Amino acid sequence: MDAGGESRHIELKKAMWIYLLALVIGVGVGTLGSAFHYCLDKVIRIYAVIEVLFTGYGVLAIVVAAVVGAVMVATAAVLVRKFAPETAGSGIQEIEGVMGELMALRWRSVLPVKFFGGVLSMGAGLVLGREGPTIHLGGCVGQIVGEKAHSDTHTLNTFLAAGATAGLSVAFSAPLGAILFMIEEVRPRFQYSFVALHAVIIASITANLVNDQVFGTLPQLPVQLQNSLPEFQPPGNLLLTLSLNLLLGALIGVLGANFNTFMLRCLRVSDELSSRTLLMIAAFVGAVVGVLMIVAPEYVGGGEALVKEIFVESPLLGFLLALLVVRAALTFLSYSIGVPGGIFAPMLALGALIGTSFGYLVHEIAPQAGLQAGTFAVAAMGALFAATVRAPLTGIVLVAEMTDSFELLPAMIVTCMTASIVAQSLGSRPIYDLLLERTLERRGIKAEPEISC
């Protein structure tokens, strides 16, 4: 064999080894993600048990729920502060920082704290999403495999990307959207190559299969638009629909820019508070969401059941706006107190509320058009994600996969791209860039500023 042939053989052998380890990562993340979702679902049911045990004792049930919520959230906050401060919040910015070689991933402490802290905080009913923890946990699995295989820096970057992508795939049961997220959002830190991309795809698909087919875990937002709205038909007046989607996209672009600004302000305020004060606030917020889990569960939680109910129940506009205001406030509070949890799912739920409200207003103004609020809800879910994260392709595909609504792609594309462009024109920067900068600043790490286009 000549030198060129031998070199190609070595490269192929290394690629096959990376693909095999990516498969291992996918199986590991799919199993770990399923376990996380299973434990979380079991813990959330504690409120149903409280309602059953204290039937006929309404006030007592509320008091017990408040105590349970406060204890769970406070415990999660203590775990984070004592053992792994980097597990607070989403974890996506942490993985990006590790991939950019700006920080280390202490998986031995991060993995258990993120797992159990996330189960406690989200099990209490905080308005947080499962996707942040599963991405962080997935990155831990990738780091473990990379370390055990004595991988070089580039290969370790690939395994981190594969694990994180698999984590998002597990969270939403959207493997293609997860792959696009890695390419579109994490592109400055993902050391792209064809082998790396193939490894990411293998891990994403494998984790999704393990999660859905082996363990039978439902996706985070089990919205099947065709099942929820069997009478759904593509709009007849496409020009009118797309014009309205442009308007909706512009509105969400403004809201998305303000979402990022307000989130950072809330986090800056929490940074100035003492640990004791923040712990007291965490316990108070936990008590509030514990009560709401009993008396008004639609106002709390990640938003999985809420989004499905919006399509099925057709609630009144006033109720939708109340949900929007309360859930937005609780999203900022839940994320700012420093416990594990993501903001993907809460943003998607807020987008669904905005889109449905917009659809109701359109129906009041032009009922003859026959446009369904559900179509605007689906488009708005992706648009708010696009405006805040600045990853419109990911938002489009992610929501299309979750809702099985690929026939709405034209409307979704118009809405998501408009929202992203408007947010950019307002000077808003991607939320995870801002969160990563805050993380580096708090740790005294200097990094070259990145230009977000």
Protein backbone atom coordinates (compact mmCIF):
# COMPACT_ATOMS: atom_id res chain seq x y z
CA MET A 1 0.00 0.00 0.00
CA ASP A 2 1.42 3.43 -0.97
CA ALA A 3 1.72 6.29 1.50
CA GLY A 4 -1.48 7.97 0.26
CA GLY A 5 -3.47 4.77 0.53
CA GLU A 6 -2.14 4.07 4.01
CA SER A 7 -3.03 7.60 5.12
CA ARG A 8 -6.59 7.21 3.81
CA HIS A 9 -6.86 3.86 5.59
CA ILE A 10 -5.79 5.43 8.88
CA GLU A 11 -8.26 8.30 8.44
CA LEU A 12 -11.08 5.88 7.63
CA LYS A 13 -10.25 3.75 10.65
CA LYS A 14 -10.29 6.82 12.89
CA ALA A 15 -13.58 7.97 11.39
CA MET A 16 -15.19 4.57 12.02
CA TRP A 17 -13.94 4.67 15.60
CA ILE A 18 -15.46 8.12 16.09
CA TYR A 19 -18.76 6.95 14.60
CA LEU A 20 -18.82 3.96 16.93
CA LEU A 21 -18.22 6.17 19.95
CA ALA A 22 -20.89 8.61 18.70
CA LEU A 23 -23.28 5.65 18.68
CA VAL A 24 -22.28 4.90 22.27
CA ILE A 25 -22.88 8.54 23.18
CA GLY A 26 -26.32 8.42 21.56
CA VAL A 27 -27.28 5.31 23.53
CA GLY A 28 -25.94 6.84 26.74
CA VAL A 29 -27.70 10.16 26.30
CA GLY A 30 -30.94 8.49 25.21
CA THR A 31 -30.89 6.32 28.34
CA LEU A 32 -29.90 9.14 30.69
CA GLY A 33 -32.41 11.54 29.13
CA SER A 34 -35.19 8.97 29.44
CA ALA A 35 -34.28 8.41 33.10
CA PHE A 36 -34.34 12.16 33.69
CA HIS A 37 -37.77 12.54 32.10
CA TYR A 38 -39.11 9.50 33.98
CA CYS A 39 -37.93 10.80 37.37
CA LEU A 40 -39.25 14.28 36.62
CA ASP A 41 -42.68 12.97 35.65
CA LYS A 42 -42.84 10.93 38.86
CA VAL A 43 -41.85 13.88 41.05
CA ILE A 44 -44.40 16.20 39.43
CA ARG A 45 -47.13 13.74 40.41
CA ILE A 46 -46.53 14.55 44.08
CA TYR A 47 -49.01 17.40 43.69
CA ALA A 48 -51.68 15.00 42.45
CA VAL A 49 -51.01 12.86 45.52
CA ILE A 50 -51.37 15.92 47.75
CA GLU A 51 -54.73 16.73 46.16
CA VAL A 52 -55.96 13.17 46.74
CA LEU A 53 -54.69 12.96 50.32
CA PHE A 54 -56.19 16.29 51.31
CA THR A 55 -59.48 16.09 49.42
CA GLY A 56 -61.99 18.23 51.28
CA TYR A 57 -59.23 20.16 53.05
CA GLY A 58 -58.57 22.82 50.43
CA VAL A 59 -56.53 25.22 52.55
CA LEU A 60 -54.43 22.44 54.04
CA ALA A 61 -53.65 21.07 50.56
CA ILE A 62 -52.48 24.51 49.45
CA VAL A 63 -50.26 24.90 52.53
CA VAL A 64 -48.69 21.47 52.02
CA ALA A 65 -48.14 22.18 48.31
CA ALA A 66 -46.46 25.48 49.18
CA VAL A 67 -44.13 23.79 51.67
CA VAL A 68 -43.28 21.00 49.23
CA GLY A 69 -42.55 23.47 46.42
CA ALA A 70 -40.41 25.66 48.67
CA VAL A 71 -38.38 22.72 49.99
CA MET A 72 -37.80 21.26 46.52
CA VAL A 73 -36.64 24.51 44.94
CA ALA A 74 -34.53 25.50 47.95
CA THR A 75 -32.88 22.06 47.95
CA ALA A 76 -32.08 22.39 44.25
CA ALA A 77 -30.57 25.84 44.89
CA VAL A 78 -28.42 24.51 47.74
CA LEU A 79 -27.17 21.61 45.60
CA VAL A 80 -26.13 24.05 42.87
CA ARG A 81 -24.35 26.46 45.18
CA LYS A 82 -22.50 23.88 47.24
CA PHE A 83 -21.44 21.36 44.62
CA ALA A 84 -21.70 22.73 41.06
CA PRO A 85 -22.54 26.42 40.50
CA GLU A 86 -22.20 25.91 36.74
CA THR A 87 -25.36 23.78 36.76
CA ALA A 88 -27.56 26.84 37.37
CA GLY A 89 -29.81 27.69 34.46
CA SER A 90 -29.82 26.07 31.07
CA GLY A 91 -26.33 24.65 30.66
CA ILE A 92 -26.24 25.37 26.93
CA GLN A 93 -23.90 28.31 27.43
CA GLU A 94 -21.71 26.07 29.61
CA ILE A 95 -21.36 23.51 26.82
CA GLU A 96 -20.59 26.28 24.33
CA GLY A 97 -17.91 27.59 26.67
CA VAL A 98 -16.34 24.16 27.02
CA MET A 99 -16.40 23.60 23.26
CA GLY A 100 -14.74 26.99 22.83
CA GLU A 101 -12.01 25.87 25.27
CA LEU A 102 -12.92 28.73 27.59
CA MET A 103 -13.73 26.53 30.58
CA ALA A 104 -13.65 22.94 31.76
CA LEU A 105 -16.57 20.54 32.18
CA ARG A 106 -16.49 19.01 35.67
CA TRP A 107 -18.78 16.14 34.76
CA ARG A 108 -18.31 14.27 38.03
CA SER A 109 -20.13 17.01 39.92
CA VAL A 110 -22.20 18.50 37.08
CA LEU A 111 -23.91 15.26 36.07
CA PRO A 112 -25.50 14.35 39.45
CA VAL A 113 -26.30 17.94 40.43
CA LYS A 114 -27.86 18.76 37.06
CA PHE A 115 -29.87 15.55 37.14
CA PHE A 116 -31.24 15.70 40.69
CA GLY A 117 -31.34 19.50 40.88
CA GLY A 118 -33.28 19.61 37.62
CA VAL A 119 -35.72 16.96 38.81
CA LEU A 120 -36.35 18.96 41.99
CA SER A 121 -36.63 22.42 40.44
CA MET A 122 -38.82 21.44 37.50
CA GLY A 123 -40.69 18.85 39.54
CA ALA A 124 -41.69 21.68 41.87
CA GLY A 125 -43.42 23.39 38.94
CA LEU A 126 -40.97 26.17 38.02
CA VAL A 127 -41.45 27.57 34.52
CA LEU A 128 -38.34 25.93 33.10
CA GLY A 129 -37.66 23.48 30.28
CA ARG A 130 -36.13 20.03 30.28
CA GLU A 131 -33.98 20.69 27.23
CA GLY A 132 -31.29 22.71 29.03
CA PRO A 133 -30.50 19.95 31.54
CA THR A 134 -30.60 17.18 28.91
CA ILE A 135 -28.20 19.15 26.69
CA HIS A 136 -25.86 19.68 29.65
CA LEU A 137 -26.16 16.02 30.65
CA GLY A 138 -25.54 15.01 27.04
CA GLY A 139 -22.39 17.10 26.99
CA CYS A 140 -21.24 15.30 30.13
CA VAL A 141 -21.72 11.94 28.42
CA GLY A 142 -19.71 13.18 25.43
CA GLN A 143 -16.96 14.40 27.75
CA ILE A 144 -16.84 11.06 29.56
CA VAL A 145 -16.55 9.09 26.33
CA GLY A 146 -13.91 11.49 25.02
CA GLU A 147 -11.83 11.22 28.17
CA LYS A 148 -12.05 7.43 28.36
CA ALA A 149 -11.03 7.18 24.70
CA HIS A 150 -8.07 9.56 25.28
CA SER A 151 -9.33 11.77 22.46
CA ASP A 152 -7.46 14.74 21.04
CA THR A 153 -8.91 18.25 21.30
CA HIS A 154 -10.74 18.18 17.96
CA THR A 155 -12.31 14.77 18.62
CA LEU A 156 -13.33 15.81 22.13
CA ASN A 157 -15.05 18.83 20.61
CA THR A 158 -16.90 16.45 18.30
CA PHE A 159 -18.03 14.26 21.21
CA LEU A 160 -19.21 17.26 23.20
CA ALA A 161 -21.21 18.42 20.20
CA ALA A 162 -22.61 14.93 19.66
CA GLY A 163 -23.66 14.60 23.30
CA ALA A 164 -25.28 18.03 23.45
CA THR A 165 -27.14 17.45 20.19
CA ALA A 166 -28.36 14.09 21.43
CA GLY A 167 -29.61 15.80 24.59
CA LEU A 168 -31.72 18.27 22.61
CA SER A 169 -32.97 15.45 20.38
CA VAL A 170 -34.15 13.58 23.48
CA ALA A 171 -35.81 16.64 25.00
CA PHE A 172 -38.01 17.47 22.01
CA SER A 173 -38.00 14.24 20.02
CA ALA A 174 -36.74 16.37 17.14
CA PRO A 175 -33.44 14.92 15.88
CA LEU A 176 -33.20 17.11 12.78
CA GLY A 177 -33.93 20.30 14.72
CA ALA A 178 -31.25 19.30 17.23
CA ILE A 179 -28.68 18.82 14.46
CA LEU A 180 -29.54 22.22 12.97
CA PHE A 181 -29.19 23.82 16.40
CA MET A 182 -25.62 22.56 16.64
CA ILE A 183 -24.78 23.86 13.17
CA GLU A 184 -26.64 27.17 13.42
CA GLU A 185 -26.34 28.25 17.06
CA VAL A 186 -23.09 26.59 18.23
CA ARG A 187 -21.24 27.11 14.93
CA PRO A 188 -18.52 29.45 16.33
CA ARG A 189 -17.40 26.72 18.75
CA PHE A 190 -18.22 23.56 16.80
CA GLN A 191 -15.04 22.45 15.00
CA TYR A 192 -16.86 21.53 11.82
CA SER A 193 -15.76 18.66 9.59
CA PHE A 194 -17.64 15.96 7.71
CA VAL A 195 -16.62 13.36 10.30
CA ALA A 196 -17.76 15.64 13.13
CA LEU A 197 -21.09 16.34 11.41
CA HIS A 198 -21.67 12.63 10.79
CA ALA A 199 -20.93 11.88 14.44
CA VAL A 200 -23.43 14.51 15.55
CA ILE A 201 -26.10 13.05 13.26
CA ILE A 202 -25.44 9.50 14.50
CA ALA A 203 -25.68 10.54 18.15
CA SER A 204 -28.85 12.58 17.58
CA ILE A 205 -30.71 9.83 15.75
CA THR A 206 -29.54 7.11 18.13
CA ALA A 207 -30.58 9.06 21.23
CA ASN A 208 -33.98 9.76 19.70
CA LEU A 209 -34.53 6.10 18.88
CA VAL A 210 -33.48 4.99 22.36
CA ASN A 211 -35.69 7.59 24.00
CA ASP A 212 -38.78 7.04 21.84
CA GLN A 213 -38.61 3.41 20.80
CA VAL A 214 -36.80 1.66 23.64
CA PHE A 215 -38.11 3.57 26.65
CA GLY A 216 -41.24 5.01 25.03
CA THR A 217 -40.71 8.46 26.53
CA LEU A 218 -43.02 11.05 25.02
CA PRO A 219 -41.51 14.19 23.49
CA GLN A 220 -41.52 17.29 25.67
CA LEU A 221 -44.23 19.03 23.64
CA PRO A 222 -46.49 16.21 22.40
CA VAL A 223 -48.47 18.47 20.10
CA GLN A 224 -49.82 16.68 17.07
CA LEU A 225 -51.57 19.42 15.16
CA GLN A 226 -53.41 17.01 12.89
CA ASN A 227 -54.85 15.19 15.90
CA SER A 228 -55.67 18.36 17.82
CA LEU A 229 -57.21 20.09 14.80
CA PRO A 230 -58.50 17.36 12.49
CA GLU A 231 -60.39 19.95 10.45
CA PHE A 232 -57.19 21.86 9.71
CA GLN A 233 -56.71 22.83 6.09
CA PRO A 234 -53.97 24.95 4.50
CA PRO A 235 -55.14 28.57 4.10
CA GLY A 236 -56.86 29.36 0.83
CA ASN A 237 -55.70 32.98 0.66
CA LEU A 238 -51.95 32.47 0.92
CA LEU A 239 -51.12 36.13 0.22
CA LEU A 240 -53.28 37.35 3.11
CA THR A 241 -51.89 34.69 5.43
CA LEU A 242 -48.27 35.49 4.65
CA SER A 243 -48.96 39.23 5.10
CA LEU A 244 -50.35 38.51 8.54
CA ASN A 245 -47.36 36.29 9.27
CA LEU A 246 -45.08 39.21 8.40
CA LEU A 247 -46.95 41.35 10.92
CA LEU A 248 -46.82 38.59 13.53
CA GLY A 249 -43.11 38.09 12.92
CA ALA A 250 -42.40 41.80 13.37
CA LEU A 251 -44.35 41.84 16.64
CA ILE A 252 -42.50 38.80 17.96
CA GLY A 253 -39.17 40.26 16.86
CA VAL A 254 -39.80 43.22 19.17
CA LEU A 255 -40.98 40.96 21.98
CA GLY A 256 -38.02 38.62 21.52
CA ALA A 257 -35.52 41.47 21.74
CA ASN A 258 -37.16 42.68 24.93
CA PHE A 259 -37.22 39.14 26.31
CA ASN A 260 -33.44 38.93 26.03
CA THR A 261 -32.92 42.37 27.54
CA PHE A 262 -35.20 41.73 30.50
CA MET A 263 -33.78 38.27 31.15
CA LEU A 264 -30.26 39.68 31.38
CA ARG A 265 -31.44 42.46 33.69
CA CYS A 266 -33.07 39.91 36.00
CA LEU A 267 -29.89 37.87 36.08
CA ARG A 268 -27.80 40.97 36.81
CA VAL A 269 -30.07 41.76 39.76
CA SER A 270 -29.74 38.21 41.09
CA ASP A 271 -25.94 38.46 40.76
CA GLU A 272 -25.99 41.36 43.22
CA LEU A 273 -27.95 39.47 45.87
CA SER A 274 -26.36 37.52 48.69
CA SER A 275 -26.58 33.73 48.71
CA ARG A 276 -28.91 33.81 51.69
CA THR A 277 -31.27 36.32 50.09
CA LEU A 278 -31.33 34.40 46.82
CA LEU A 279 -32.07 31.18 48.70
CA MET A 280 -35.01 32.84 50.45
CA ILE A 281 -36.32 34.11 47.11
CA ALA A 282 -35.93 30.63 45.62
CA ALA A 283 -37.95 29.12 48.47
CA PHE A 284 -40.64 31.79 48.08
CA VAL A 285 -40.91 31.24 44.32
CA GLY A 286 -41.04 27.50 44.97
CA ALA A 287 -43.92 28.02 47.39
CA VAL A 288 -45.79 30.16 44.86
CA VAL A 289 -45.46 27.63 42.04
CA GLY A 290 -46.34 24.83 44.45
CA VAL A 291 -49.64 26.54 45.21
CA LEU A 292 -50.28 27.21 41.54
CA MET A 293 -49.65 23.53 40.74
CA ILE A 294 -52.73 22.84 42.88
CA VAL A 295 -55.03 25.75 42.05
CA ALA A 296 -53.98 26.75 38.49
CA PRO A 297 -51.45 24.32 36.98
CA GLU A 298 -51.66 25.87 33.51
CA TYR A 299 -49.72 28.90 34.80
CA VAL A 300 -46.66 26.89 35.80
CA GLY A 301 -44.46 24.07 34.52
CA GLY A 302 -42.52 23.87 31.30
CA GLY A 303 -45.63 24.34 29.15
CA GLU A 304 -45.97 20.86 27.65
CA ALA A 305 -49.61 20.30 28.58
CA LEU A 306 -50.48 23.95 28.11
CA VAL A 307 -49.51 24.09 24.44
CA LYS A 308 -51.58 21.02 23.69
CA GLU A 309 -54.58 22.45 25.55
CA ILE A 310 -54.36 25.69 23.59
CA PHE A 311 -55.01 23.80 20.36
CA VAL A 312 -57.79 21.66 21.82
CA GLU A 313 -59.65 23.91 24.27
CA SER A 314 -59.73 27.27 22.40
CA PRO A 315 -59.59 29.38 25.59
CA LEU A 316 -60.85 32.96 25.80
CA LEU A 317 -58.55 35.81 24.76
CA GLY A 318 -58.51 37.33 28.24
CA PHE A 319 -57.39 34.06 29.75
CA LEU A 320 -54.66 33.70 27.13
CA LEU A 321 -53.32 37.17 27.89
CA ALA A 322 -53.36 36.44 31.64
CA LEU A 323 -51.44 33.24 30.99
CA LEU A 324 -48.95 35.14 28.84
CA VAL A 325 -48.23 37.78 31.49
CA VAL A 326 -48.00 35.38 34.43
CA ARG A 327 -45.94 32.77 32.64
CA ALA A 328 -43.55 35.39 31.27
CA ALA A 329 -43.01 36.78 34.79
CA LEU A 330 -42.51 33.29 36.23
CA THR A 331 -40.08 32.43 33.43
CA PHE A 332 -37.83 35.33 34.40
CA LEU A 333 -38.16 34.51 38.10
CA SER A 334 -37.59 30.78 37.66
CA TYR A 335 -34.46 31.23 35.56
CA SER A 336 -33.00 34.01 37.71
CA ILE A 337 -32.96 32.14 41.03
CA GLY A 338 -30.11 29.90 39.89
CA VAL A 339 -31.52 26.38 39.71
CA PRO A 340 -31.21 23.90 36.81
CA GLY A 341 -33.65 24.39 33.95
CA GLY A 342 -33.88 25.64 30.38
CA ILE A 343 -35.81 28.38 28.61
CA PHE A 344 -36.55 26.62 25.29
CA ALA A 345 -39.87 25.15 26.38
CA PRO A 346 -41.12 28.24 28.24
CA MET A 347 -40.34 30.33 25.14
CA LEU A 348 -42.24 27.92 22.91
CA ALA A 349 -45.22 28.07 25.26
CA LEU A 350 -45.11 31.88 25.29
CA GLY A 351 -44.91 31.85 21.50
CA ALA A 352 -47.98 29.63 21.31
CA LEU A 353 -49.88 32.03 23.59
CA ILE A 354 -48.85 35.05 21.51
CA GLY A 355 -49.72 33.35 18.23
CA THR A 356 -53.10 32.13 19.45
CA SER A 357 -53.99 35.58 20.80
CA PHE A 358 -52.97 37.11 17.49
CA GLY A 359 -55.10 34.56 15.65
CA TYR A 360 -58.12 35.41 17.78
CA LEU A 361 -57.71 39.11 17.00
CA VAL A 362 -57.42 38.34 13.28
CA HIS A 363 -60.61 36.29 13.46
CA GLU A 364 -62.45 39.15 15.20
CA ILE A 365 -61.29 41.66 12.60
CA ALA A 366 -61.70 39.46 9.50
CA PRO A 367 -63.85 36.42 10.33
CA GLN A 368 -64.62 35.88 6.64
CA ALA A 369 -60.98 34.94 6.01
CA GLY A 370 -61.48 31.67 7.90
CA LEU A 371 -57.93 31.67 9.32
CA GLN A 372 -57.27 29.40 12.28
CA ALA A 373 -55.53 30.61 15.41
CA GLY A 374 -53.62 27.33 15.59
CA THR A 375 -51.67 28.14 12.43
CA PHE A 376 -50.45 31.40 13.95
CA ALA A 377 -49.64 29.61 17.21
CA VAL A 378 -47.35 27.15 15.45
CA ALA A 379 -45.59 29.92 13.51
CA ALA A 380 -45.20 32.05 16.64
CA MET A 381 -43.59 29.19 18.58
CA GLY A 382 -40.74 29.06 16.11
CA ALA A 383 -40.62 32.83 15.69
CA LEU A 384 -40.04 33.63 19.38
CA PHE A 385 -37.28 31.05 19.43
CA ALA A 386 -35.77 32.62 16.31
CA ALA A 387 -35.95 36.12 17.74
CA THR A 388 -34.32 35.24 21.07
CA VAL A 389 -31.81 32.56 20.06
CA ARG A 390 -31.27 33.99 16.55
CA ALA A 391 -31.45 30.55 14.97
CA PRO A 392 -34.42 30.75 12.56
CA LEU A 393 -33.75 27.49 10.69
CA THR A 394 -33.63 25.59 13.97
CA GLY A 395 -36.86 27.22 15.12
CA ILE A 396 -38.64 26.34 11.89
CA VAL A 397 -37.59 22.69 11.80
CA LEU A 398 -37.84 22.13 15.56
CA VAL A 399 -41.45 23.27 15.73
CA ALA A 400 -42.38 21.52 12.48
CA GLU A 401 -41.02 18.23 13.85
CA MET A 402 -42.78 18.61 17.20
CA THR A 403 -46.14 19.60 15.77
CA ASP A 404 -46.11 17.48 12.62
CA SER A 405 -47.04 20.58 10.63
CA PHE A 406 -44.63 20.65 7.70
CA GLU A 407 -47.41 21.95 5.46
CA LEU A 408 -47.17 25.23 7.40
CA LEU A 409 -43.54 25.74 6.41
CA PRO A 410 -44.14 28.81 4.17
CA ALA A 411 -45.93 30.65 6.97
CA MET A 412 -43.36 29.52 9.53
CA ILE A 413 -40.45 30.63 7.34
CA VAL A 414 -41.92 34.09 6.82
CA THR A 415 -42.73 34.53 10.52
CA CYS A 416 -39.41 33.19 11.85
CA MET A 417 -37.22 35.10 9.42
CA THR A 418 -39.11 38.35 10.00
CA ALA A 419 -38.84 37.93 13.78
CA SER A 420 -35.11 37.23 13.57
CA ILE A 421 -34.43 40.18 11.26
CA VAL A 422 -36.47 42.62 13.37
CA ALA A 423 -34.72 41.49 16.57
CA GLN A 424 -31.36 41.94 14.87
CA SER A 425 -32.29 45.39 13.57
CA LEU A 426 -33.14 46.43 17.13
CA GLY A 427 -29.59 45.56 18.21
CA SER A 428 -30.61 42.48 20.17
CA ARG A 429 -27.99 39.75 20.46
CA PRO A 430 -28.59 35.98 20.74
CA ILE A 431 -29.58 34.97 24.25
CA TYR A 432 -26.95 32.26 24.64
CA ASP A 433 -24.15 34.61 23.59
CA LEU A 434 -25.30 36.97 26.32
CA LEU A 435 -25.56 34.17 28.87
CA LEU A 436 -22.09 32.87 27.99
CA GLU A 437 -20.60 36.35 28.34
CA ARG A 438 -22.21 36.68 31.76
CA THR A 439 -20.83 33.30 32.81
CA LEU A 440 -17.30 34.20 31.69
CA GLU A 441 -17.52 37.60 33.36
CA ARG A 442 -18.58 36.07 36.69
CA ARG A 443 -15.62 33.67 36.56
CA GLY A 444 -13.15 36.31 35.53
CA ILE A 445 -12.44 34.67 32.19
CA LYS A 446 -11.56 36.94 29.31
CA ALA A 447 -12.53 35.92 25.79
CA GLU A 448 -12.37 37.62 22.43
CA PRO A 449 -15.74 39.21 21.64
CA GLU A 450 -17.70 37.56 18.87
CA ILE A 451 -19.52 39.41 16.14
CA SER A 452 -23.13 38.28 15.84
CA CYS A 453 -24.51 38.90 12.40
